[in-house]
N, C-alpha and C. Protein backbone atom coordinates (compact mmCIF):
# COMPACT_ATOMS: atom_id res chain seq x y z
N UNK A 1 0.71 -1.35 0.10
CA UNK A 1 -0.10 0.01 -0.05
C UNK A 1 1.01 1.15 -0.05
N UNK A 2 2.12 1.12 0.53
CA UNK A 2 3.01 2.29 0.59
C UNK A 2 3.35 2.79 -0.78
N UNK A 3 3.70 1.85 -1.75
CA UNK A 3 4.14 2.03 -2.74
C UNK A 3 2.93 2.44 -3.91
N UNK A 4 1.83 1.70 -3.75
CA UNK A 4 0.62 1.79 -4.71
C UNK A 4 -0.29 3.23 -4.32
N UNK A 5 -0.26 3.37 -2.85
CA UNK A 5 -0.96 4.74 -2.82
C UNK A 5 -0.08 5.84 -2.23
N UNK A 6 1.14 5.77 -1.96
CA UNK A 6 1.73 6.78 -1.34
C UNK A 6 1.74 6.99 0.07
N UNK A 7 1.11 6.03 0.81
CA UNK A 7 1.01 6.01 2.26
C UNK A 7 2.43 6.10 3.13
N UNK A 8 2.36 7.02 4.17
CA UNK A 8 3.57 6.77 4.90
C UNK A 8 3.52 5.87 5.92
N UNK A 9 4.39 4.98 6.45
CA UNK A 9 4.41 4.07 7.24
C UNK A 9 5.40 2.86 6.91
N UNK A 10 5.06 1.88 7.70
CA UNK A 10 4.53 1.82 9.06
C UNK A 10 5.23 2.43 10.27
N UNK A 11 4.16 2.82 11.00
CA UNK A 11 4.84 3.66 12.15
C UNK A 11 4.47 2.65 13.36
N UNK A 12 5.09 2.19 14.26
CA UNK A 12 4.66 1.21 15.09
C UNK A 12 4.47 1.77 16.53
N UNK A 13 3.62 1.09 17.31
CA UNK A 13 3.42 1.49 18.67
C UNK A 13 3.03 0.46 19.70
N UNK A 14 3.58 0.49 20.80
CA UNK A 14 3.36 -0.77 21.89
C UNK A 14 2.67 -0.23 22.86
N UNK A 15 1.92 1.03 22.94
CA UNK A 15 1.47 1.44 24.08
C UNK A 15 0.31 0.76 25.02
N UNK A 16 -0.56 0.41 24.35
CA UNK A 16 -1.59 -0.38 24.89
C UNK A 16 -1.72 -1.57 24.12
N UNK A 17 -1.65 -1.60 23.13
CA UNK A 17 -1.55 -3.02 22.21
C UNK A 17 -0.70 -2.71 20.82
N UNK A 18 -0.06 -3.73 20.49
CA UNK A 18 0.96 -3.47 19.56
C UNK A 18 0.17 -3.09 18.31
N UNK A 19 0.72 -2.16 17.29
CA UNK A 19 -0.06 -1.78 16.39
C UNK A 19 0.87 -0.89 15.36
N UNK A 20 0.59 -0.92 14.10
CA UNK A 20 1.16 0.01 13.18
C UNK A 20 0.24 0.89 12.40
N UNK A 21 0.59 1.92 11.90
CA UNK A 21 -0.30 2.84 11.20
C UNK A 21 0.25 3.27 10.04
N UNK A 22 -0.44 3.42 8.99
CA UNK A 22 -0.13 3.67 7.59
C UNK A 22 -0.84 4.97 7.38
N UNK A 23 -0.29 6.15 6.76
CA UNK A 23 -1.23 7.27 6.95
C UNK A 23 -0.71 7.96 5.51
N UNK A 24 -1.77 8.85 4.87
CA UNK A 24 -1.32 9.67 3.68
C UNK A 24 -2.90 10.30 3.33
N UNK A 25 -2.79 11.42 3.00
CA UNK A 25 -3.91 12.31 2.22
C UNK A 25 -5.40 12.09 2.88
N UNK A 26 -5.09 12.28 4.47
CA UNK A 26 -6.43 12.26 5.25
C UNK A 26 -6.88 10.95 5.41
N UNK A 27 -6.01 9.85 5.22
CA UNK A 27 -6.65 8.57 5.52
C UNK A 27 -5.39 7.89 6.38
N UNK A 28 -5.98 7.18 7.29
CA UNK A 28 -4.93 6.36 8.25
C UNK A 28 -5.67 5.13 8.42
N UNK A 29 -4.69 3.90 8.21
CA UNK A 29 -5.13 2.62 8.47
C UNK A 29 -4.30 2.18 9.53
N UNK A 30 -5.07 1.66 10.45
CA UNK A 30 -4.50 1.13 11.95
C UNK A 30 -4.53 -0.39 11.81
N UNK A 31 -3.39 -0.94 11.88
CA UNK A 31 -3.46 -2.49 12.11
C UNK A 31 -3.15 -2.88 13.62
N UNK A 32 -3.99 -3.47 14.20
CA UNK A 32 -3.85 -3.68 15.76
C UNK A 32 -3.64 -5.44 15.82
N UNK A 33 -2.65 -5.55 16.72
CA UNK A 33 -2.24 -7.12 17.11
C UNK A 33 -2.95 -7.33 18.40
N UNK A 34 -4.01 -8.09 18.35
CA UNK A 34 -4.50 -8.36 19.81
C UNK A 34 -4.59 -9.81 20.15
N UNK A 35 -4.20 -9.74 21.76
CA UNK A 35 -4.53 -11.01 22.27
C UNK A 35 -5.93 -11.28 22.54
N UNK A 36 -6.56 -12.40 21.85
CA UNK A 36 -7.93 -12.82 21.94
C UNK A 36 -8.12 -13.99 22.81
N UNK A 37 -9.00 -13.78 23.74
CA UNK A 37 -9.40 -14.78 24.80
C UNK A 37 -10.29 -15.75 24.19
N UNK A 38 -11.25 -15.45 23.07
CA UNK A 38 -12.07 -16.12 22.29
C UNK A 38 -11.34 -17.07 21.43
N UNK A 39 -10.17 -16.81 21.06
CA UNK A 39 -9.53 -17.85 20.02
C UNK A 39 -8.59 -18.54 20.70
N UNK A 40 -8.70 -20.04 20.83
CA UNK A 40 -7.64 -20.73 21.62
C UNK A 40 -6.11 -20.41 21.25
N UNK A 41 -5.88 -19.91 19.93
CA UNK A 41 -4.51 -19.85 19.71
C UNK A 41 -4.21 -18.38 20.27
N UNK A 42 -5.12 -17.44 20.36
CA UNK A 42 -4.89 -16.16 21.27
C UNK A 42 -4.51 -14.98 20.52
N UNK A 43 -4.04 -15.09 19.35
CA UNK A 43 -3.59 -14.06 18.39
C UNK A 43 -4.60 -13.50 17.34
N UNK A 44 -5.06 -12.30 17.16
CA UNK A 44 -5.91 -11.86 16.21
C UNK A 44 -5.36 -10.38 15.49
N UNK A 45 -5.85 -10.12 14.34
CA UNK A 45 -5.52 -8.80 13.79
C UNK A 45 -6.92 -7.74 13.48
N UNK A 46 -6.76 -6.71 14.09
CA UNK A 46 -7.92 -6.19 13.58
C UNK A 46 -7.46 -4.75 12.78
N UNK A 47 -8.17 -4.41 11.84
CA UNK A 47 -7.83 -3.10 11.19
C UNK A 47 -8.99 -2.14 11.29
N UNK A 48 -8.47 -0.75 11.44
CA UNK A 48 -9.50 0.27 11.56
C UNK A 48 -8.93 1.29 10.60
N UNK A 49 -10.01 2.06 9.69
CA UNK A 49 -9.79 2.99 8.72
C UNK A 49 -10.09 4.28 9.28
N UNK A 50 -9.29 5.43 9.33
CA UNK A 50 -9.75 6.46 9.79
C UNK A 50 -9.72 7.79 8.37
N UNK A 51 -10.74 8.63 8.46
CA UNK A 51 -10.68 9.41 7.19
C UNK A 51 -10.76 10.78 7.95
N UNK A 52 -10.17 11.80 7.50
CA UNK A 52 -10.07 13.10 7.88
C UNK A 52 -10.18 13.95 6.44
N UNK A 53 -11.48 14.45 6.17
CA UNK A 53 -11.85 15.31 5.11
C UNK A 53 -11.62 16.71 5.30
N UNK A 54 -11.24 17.15 6.60
CA UNK A 54 -11.19 18.48 6.84
C UNK A 54 -12.49 19.10 7.31
N UNK A 55 -13.49 18.69 7.02
CA UNK A 55 -14.90 18.97 7.54
C UNK A 55 -15.61 17.90 8.61
N UNK A 56 -14.90 16.67 8.25
CA UNK A 56 -15.22 15.55 9.20
C UNK A 56 -14.08 14.67 9.44
N UNK A 57 -14.23 13.83 10.60
CA UNK A 57 -13.48 12.80 11.03
C UNK A 57 -14.22 11.61 11.25
N UNK A 58 -14.02 10.45 10.63
CA UNK A 58 -14.75 9.43 10.69
C UNK A 58 -13.88 8.18 10.63
N UNK A 59 -14.40 7.00 11.48
CA UNK A 59 -13.47 5.85 11.54
C UNK A 59 -14.54 4.49 11.35
N UNK A 60 -13.92 3.49 11.03
CA UNK A 60 -14.71 2.27 11.00
C UNK A 60 -13.61 1.19 11.14
N UNK A 61 -14.32 -0.06 11.50
CA UNK A 61 -13.66 -1.25 11.31
C UNK A 61 -13.59 -1.74 9.95
N UNK A 62 -12.55 -2.47 9.34
CA UNK A 62 -12.49 -2.99 8.04
C UNK A 62 -13.63 -3.77 7.60
N UNK A 63 -13.77 -4.71 8.57
CA UNK A 63 -14.91 -5.51 8.31
C UNK A 63 -16.23 -5.04 8.14
N UNK A 64 -16.60 -3.90 8.86
CA UNK A 64 -17.74 -3.35 8.85
C UNK A 64 -17.84 -2.42 7.47
N UNK A 65 -16.82 -1.88 7.27
CA UNK A 65 -16.54 -1.22 5.79
C UNK A 65 -16.92 -2.12 4.66
N UNK A 66 -16.25 -3.28 4.75
CA UNK A 66 -16.53 -4.33 3.71
C UNK A 66 -17.84 -4.65 3.45
N UNK A 67 -18.64 -4.76 4.77
CA UNK A 67 -20.08 -5.23 4.63
C UNK A 67 -20.83 -3.88 4.06
N UNK A 68 -20.47 -2.81 4.46
CA UNK A 68 -21.18 -1.64 4.27
C UNK A 68 -21.19 -1.28 2.64
N UNK A 69 -20.00 -1.77 2.16
CA UNK A 69 -19.89 -1.54 0.68
C UNK A 69 -20.57 -2.52 -0.12
N UNK A 70 -21.09 -3.56 0.47
CA UNK A 70 -21.72 -4.52 -0.05
C UNK A 70 -20.76 -5.57 -0.97
N UNK A 71 -19.34 -5.41 -0.35
CA UNK A 71 -18.40 -6.28 -0.88
C UNK A 71 -18.42 -7.65 -0.63
N UNK A 72 -18.76 -7.99 0.73
CA UNK A 72 -18.58 -9.41 1.22
C UNK A 72 -19.36 -9.44 2.84
N UNK A 73 -19.73 -10.37 3.29
CA UNK A 73 -20.00 -10.24 4.75
C UNK A 73 -18.93 -10.06 5.39
N UNK A 74 -18.92 -9.42 6.82
CA UNK A 74 -17.89 -9.07 7.40
C UNK A 74 -17.15 -10.19 7.75
N UNK A 75 -17.61 -11.44 7.96
CA UNK A 75 -16.86 -12.59 8.34
C UNK A 75 -15.73 -13.07 7.41
N UNK A 76 -15.94 -12.64 6.40
CA UNK A 76 -15.10 -13.06 5.27
C UNK A 76 -13.69 -12.27 5.33
N UNK A 77 -13.53 -11.21 6.12
CA UNK A 77 -12.30 -10.43 6.21
C UNK A 77 -11.45 -11.19 7.45
N UNK A 78 -10.33 -11.47 7.07
CA UNK A 78 -9.43 -12.24 7.86
C UNK A 78 -9.07 -11.57 9.10
N UNK A 79 -8.62 -12.56 10.23
CA UNK A 79 -8.35 -11.93 11.40
C UNK A 79 -7.39 -12.73 12.22
N UNK A 80 -6.91 -13.96 12.01
CA UNK A 80 -6.34 -14.94 12.40
C UNK A 80 -4.73 -14.56 12.49
N UNK A 81 -4.19 -14.74 13.48
CA UNK A 81 -2.71 -14.39 13.60
C UNK A 81 -2.05 -15.30 14.48
N UNK A 82 -2.41 -16.51 14.83
CA UNK A 82 -1.82 -17.35 15.67
C UNK A 82 -0.64 -18.23 15.17
N UNK A 83 -0.18 -17.92 13.83
CA UNK A 83 0.99 -18.61 13.49
C UNK A 83 1.56 -17.35 12.45
N UNK A 84 2.87 -17.62 12.02
CA UNK A 84 3.43 -16.52 11.09
C UNK A 84 2.71 -16.70 9.85
N UNK A 85 2.35 -18.02 9.23
CA UNK A 85 1.76 -18.13 8.03
C UNK A 85 0.15 -17.58 8.23
N UNK A 86 -0.26 -17.61 9.13
CA UNK A 86 -1.70 -17.07 9.46
C UNK A 86 -1.61 -15.69 9.42
N UNK A 87 -0.63 -14.99 10.05
CA UNK A 87 -0.31 -13.67 10.14
C UNK A 87 -0.43 -12.82 8.82
N UNK A 88 0.54 -13.57 7.97
CA UNK A 88 0.98 -13.15 6.56
C UNK A 88 -0.18 -13.28 5.70
N UNK A 89 -1.02 -14.44 5.86
CA UNK A 89 -2.34 -14.64 5.04
C UNK A 89 -3.31 -13.39 5.38
N UNK A 90 -3.50 -13.31 6.79
CA UNK A 90 -4.40 -12.29 7.21
C UNK A 90 -4.05 -10.64 6.61
N UNK A 91 -2.66 -10.39 6.73
CA UNK A 91 -2.28 -9.14 6.42
C UNK A 91 -2.56 -9.04 4.96
N UNK A 92 -2.28 -10.05 4.12
CA UNK A 92 -2.43 -9.99 2.55
C UNK A 92 -4.00 -9.91 2.30
N UNK A 93 -4.87 -10.75 3.14
CA UNK A 93 -6.17 -10.53 2.87
C UNK A 93 -6.74 -9.14 3.34
N UNK A 94 -6.27 -8.45 4.41
CA UNK A 94 -6.67 -7.24 4.64
C UNK A 94 -6.37 -6.14 3.64
N UNK A 95 -4.90 -6.26 3.20
CA UNK A 95 -4.52 -5.37 2.19
C UNK A 95 -5.38 -5.56 0.91
N UNK A 96 -5.94 -6.52 0.54
CA UNK A 96 -6.85 -6.88 -0.67
C UNK A 96 -7.94 -6.21 -0.58
N UNK A 97 -8.65 -6.30 0.66
CA UNK A 97 -9.99 -5.59 1.06
C UNK A 97 -9.73 -3.83 0.99
N UNK A 98 -8.49 -3.55 1.52
CA UNK A 98 -8.15 -1.96 1.36
C UNK A 98 -7.95 -1.58 0.10
N UNK A 99 -7.55 -2.34 -0.90
CA UNK A 99 -7.28 -2.14 -2.34
C UNK A 99 -8.62 -2.20 -2.89
N UNK A 100 -9.51 -3.08 -2.51
CA UNK A 100 -10.93 -2.87 -3.22
C UNK A 100 -11.55 -1.70 -2.59
N UNK A 101 -11.53 -1.26 -1.48
CA UNK A 101 -12.02 -0.23 -0.95
C UNK A 101 -11.62 1.14 -1.35
N UNK A 102 -10.23 1.12 -1.77
CA UNK A 102 -9.54 2.47 -1.90
C UNK A 102 -10.33 3.43 -2.88
N UNK A 103 -10.89 3.06 -4.01
CA UNK A 103 -11.68 4.16 -5.00
C UNK A 103 -12.71 4.75 -4.05
N UNK A 104 -13.41 3.95 -3.47
CA UNK A 104 -14.63 4.53 -2.57
C UNK A 104 -14.27 5.28 -1.44
N UNK A 105 -13.11 4.86 -0.80
CA UNK A 105 -12.65 5.77 0.31
C UNK A 105 -12.23 7.07 -0.19
N UNK A 106 -11.65 7.30 -1.30
CA UNK A 106 -11.21 8.59 -1.80
C UNK A 106 -12.40 9.52 -2.41
N UNK A 107 -13.57 8.90 -2.44
CA UNK A 107 -14.59 9.98 -3.18
C UNK A 107 -15.33 10.54 -1.90
N UNK A 108 -15.87 11.70 -2.29
CA UNK A 108 -16.66 12.72 -1.19
C UNK A 108 -17.75 11.83 -0.42
N UNK A 109 -18.27 10.97 -1.19
CA UNK A 109 -19.42 10.19 -0.56
C UNK A 109 -18.89 9.22 0.49
N UNK A 110 -17.47 9.13 0.77
CA UNK A 110 -17.08 7.98 1.55
C UNK A 110 -17.53 8.23 3.09
N UNK A 111 -17.82 9.28 3.49
CA UNK A 111 -18.25 9.56 4.88
C UNK A 111 -19.41 8.80 4.99
N UNK A 112 -20.41 8.75 4.13
CA UNK A 112 -21.60 8.09 4.05
C UNK A 112 -21.31 6.47 4.33
N UNK A 113 -20.39 6.02 3.68
CA UNK A 113 -19.96 4.46 3.90
C UNK A 113 -19.71 4.23 5.40
N UNK A 114 -18.92 5.17 5.90
CA UNK A 114 -18.43 5.12 7.19
C UNK A 114 -19.57 5.31 8.25
N UNK A 115 -20.29 6.08 7.89
CA UNK A 115 -21.45 6.14 8.77
C UNK A 115 -22.32 4.75 8.79
N UNK A 116 -22.52 4.23 7.57
CA UNK A 116 -23.37 3.08 7.47
C UNK A 116 -22.56 1.91 8.26
N UNK A 117 -21.40 2.02 8.08
CA UNK A 117 -20.55 0.90 8.88
C UNK A 117 -20.61 1.11 10.27
N UNK A 118 -20.89 2.08 10.85
CA UNK A 118 -21.26 2.25 12.23
C UNK A 118 -22.43 2.08 12.65
N UNK A 119 -23.51 1.97 11.72
CA UNK A 119 -24.77 1.98 12.07
C UNK A 119 -25.28 0.71 12.61
N UNK A 120 -25.40 0.41 13.91
CA UNK A 120 -25.76 -1.11 14.36
C UNK A 120 -27.09 -0.99 14.68
N UNK A 121 -28.16 -1.53 14.04
CA UNK A 121 -29.54 -1.51 14.48
C UNK A 121 -29.86 -2.73 15.35
N UNK A 122 -30.82 -2.37 16.05
CA UNK A 122 -31.27 -3.72 17.16
C UNK A 122 -32.75 -3.88 16.87
N UNK A 123 -33.12 -5.09 17.59
CA UNK A 123 -34.60 -5.35 17.49
C UNK A 123 -35.20 -4.82 18.90
N UNK A 124 -36.35 -5.19 18.97
CA UNK A 124 -37.20 -4.71 20.16
C UNK A 124 -36.46 -5.49 21.36
N UNK A 125 -35.71 -6.38 21.34
CA UNK A 125 -35.09 -6.95 22.59
C UNK A 125 -33.79 -6.64 22.83
N UNK A 126 -33.14 -5.60 21.88
CA UNK A 126 -31.98 -5.20 22.05
C UNK A 126 -30.80 -5.88 21.35
N UNK A 127 -31.37 -7.12 20.56
CA UNK A 127 -30.24 -7.81 19.85
C UNK A 127 -29.98 -7.26 18.46
N UNK A 128 -28.77 -7.51 18.03
CA UNK A 128 -28.51 -6.73 16.77
C UNK A 128 -29.21 -7.48 15.71
N UNK A 129 -29.75 -6.55 14.72
CA UNK A 129 -30.55 -6.96 13.65
C UNK A 129 -29.71 -7.66 12.66
N UNK A 130 -30.27 -8.65 12.15
CA UNK A 130 -29.69 -9.48 11.05
C UNK A 130 -29.66 -8.65 9.62
N UNK A 131 -28.58 -8.72 8.91
CA UNK A 131 -28.61 -7.96 7.62
C UNK A 131 -29.65 -8.63 6.73
N UNK A 132 -30.26 -7.87 5.80
CA UNK A 132 -31.41 -8.40 4.96
C UNK A 132 -30.87 -9.49 4.08
N UNK A 133 -31.83 -10.32 3.87
CA UNK A 133 -31.58 -11.80 3.32
C UNK A 133 -31.24 -11.42 1.77
N UNK A 134 -30.81 -12.24 0.96
CA UNK A 134 -30.44 -12.24 -0.53
C UNK A 134 -29.77 -11.14 -0.99
N UNK A 135 -28.69 -10.66 -0.28
CA UNK A 135 -28.05 -9.58 -0.66
C UNK A 135 -26.84 -10.10 -1.78
N UNK A 136 -26.89 -9.29 -2.66
CA UNK A 136 -25.92 -9.66 -3.99
C UNK A 136 -24.39 -9.07 -3.53
N UNK A 137 -23.52 -9.79 -3.05
CA UNK A 137 -22.19 -9.29 -2.62
C UNK A 137 -21.53 -9.25 -3.89
N UNK A 138 -20.54 -8.27 -3.79
CA UNK A 138 -19.58 -7.88 -4.99
C UNK A 138 -18.74 -9.24 -5.09
N UNK A 139 -18.33 -9.55 -3.92
CA UNK A 139 -17.11 -10.67 -3.90
C UNK A 139 -17.58 -11.57 -2.85
N UNK A 140 -18.56 -12.65 -3.44
CA UNK A 140 -19.15 -13.67 -2.63
C UNK A 140 -18.07 -14.56 -2.12
């Protein structure tokens, strides 16, 4: 992504959790390396994208952006990092989704995509609503 889109980085941090940041032209991509108690192997990656247009600052997790763009369901975005091979495969997968989203992220309407990615509707019982049936995903 550095060569292809002219992003600066990676800049590392170990303050609260290990992470790296790629940034450029109002866009920052955060890659966080997490200990995950739900995964028996214990390591996962999460990616968050921050956009600053000068008028608004918005952010969303990569898996939510992928689903909001109707590219694929959020569970298709890789997150495993329990081995070196799994880590490399996950980073490659995340970079692929960023490349697919890139043209949309550079448009003025990108703010709406971020807002949709952060809109979590609940049913009357407070449970998350399921996405509509029969969605035509761009990358099934």
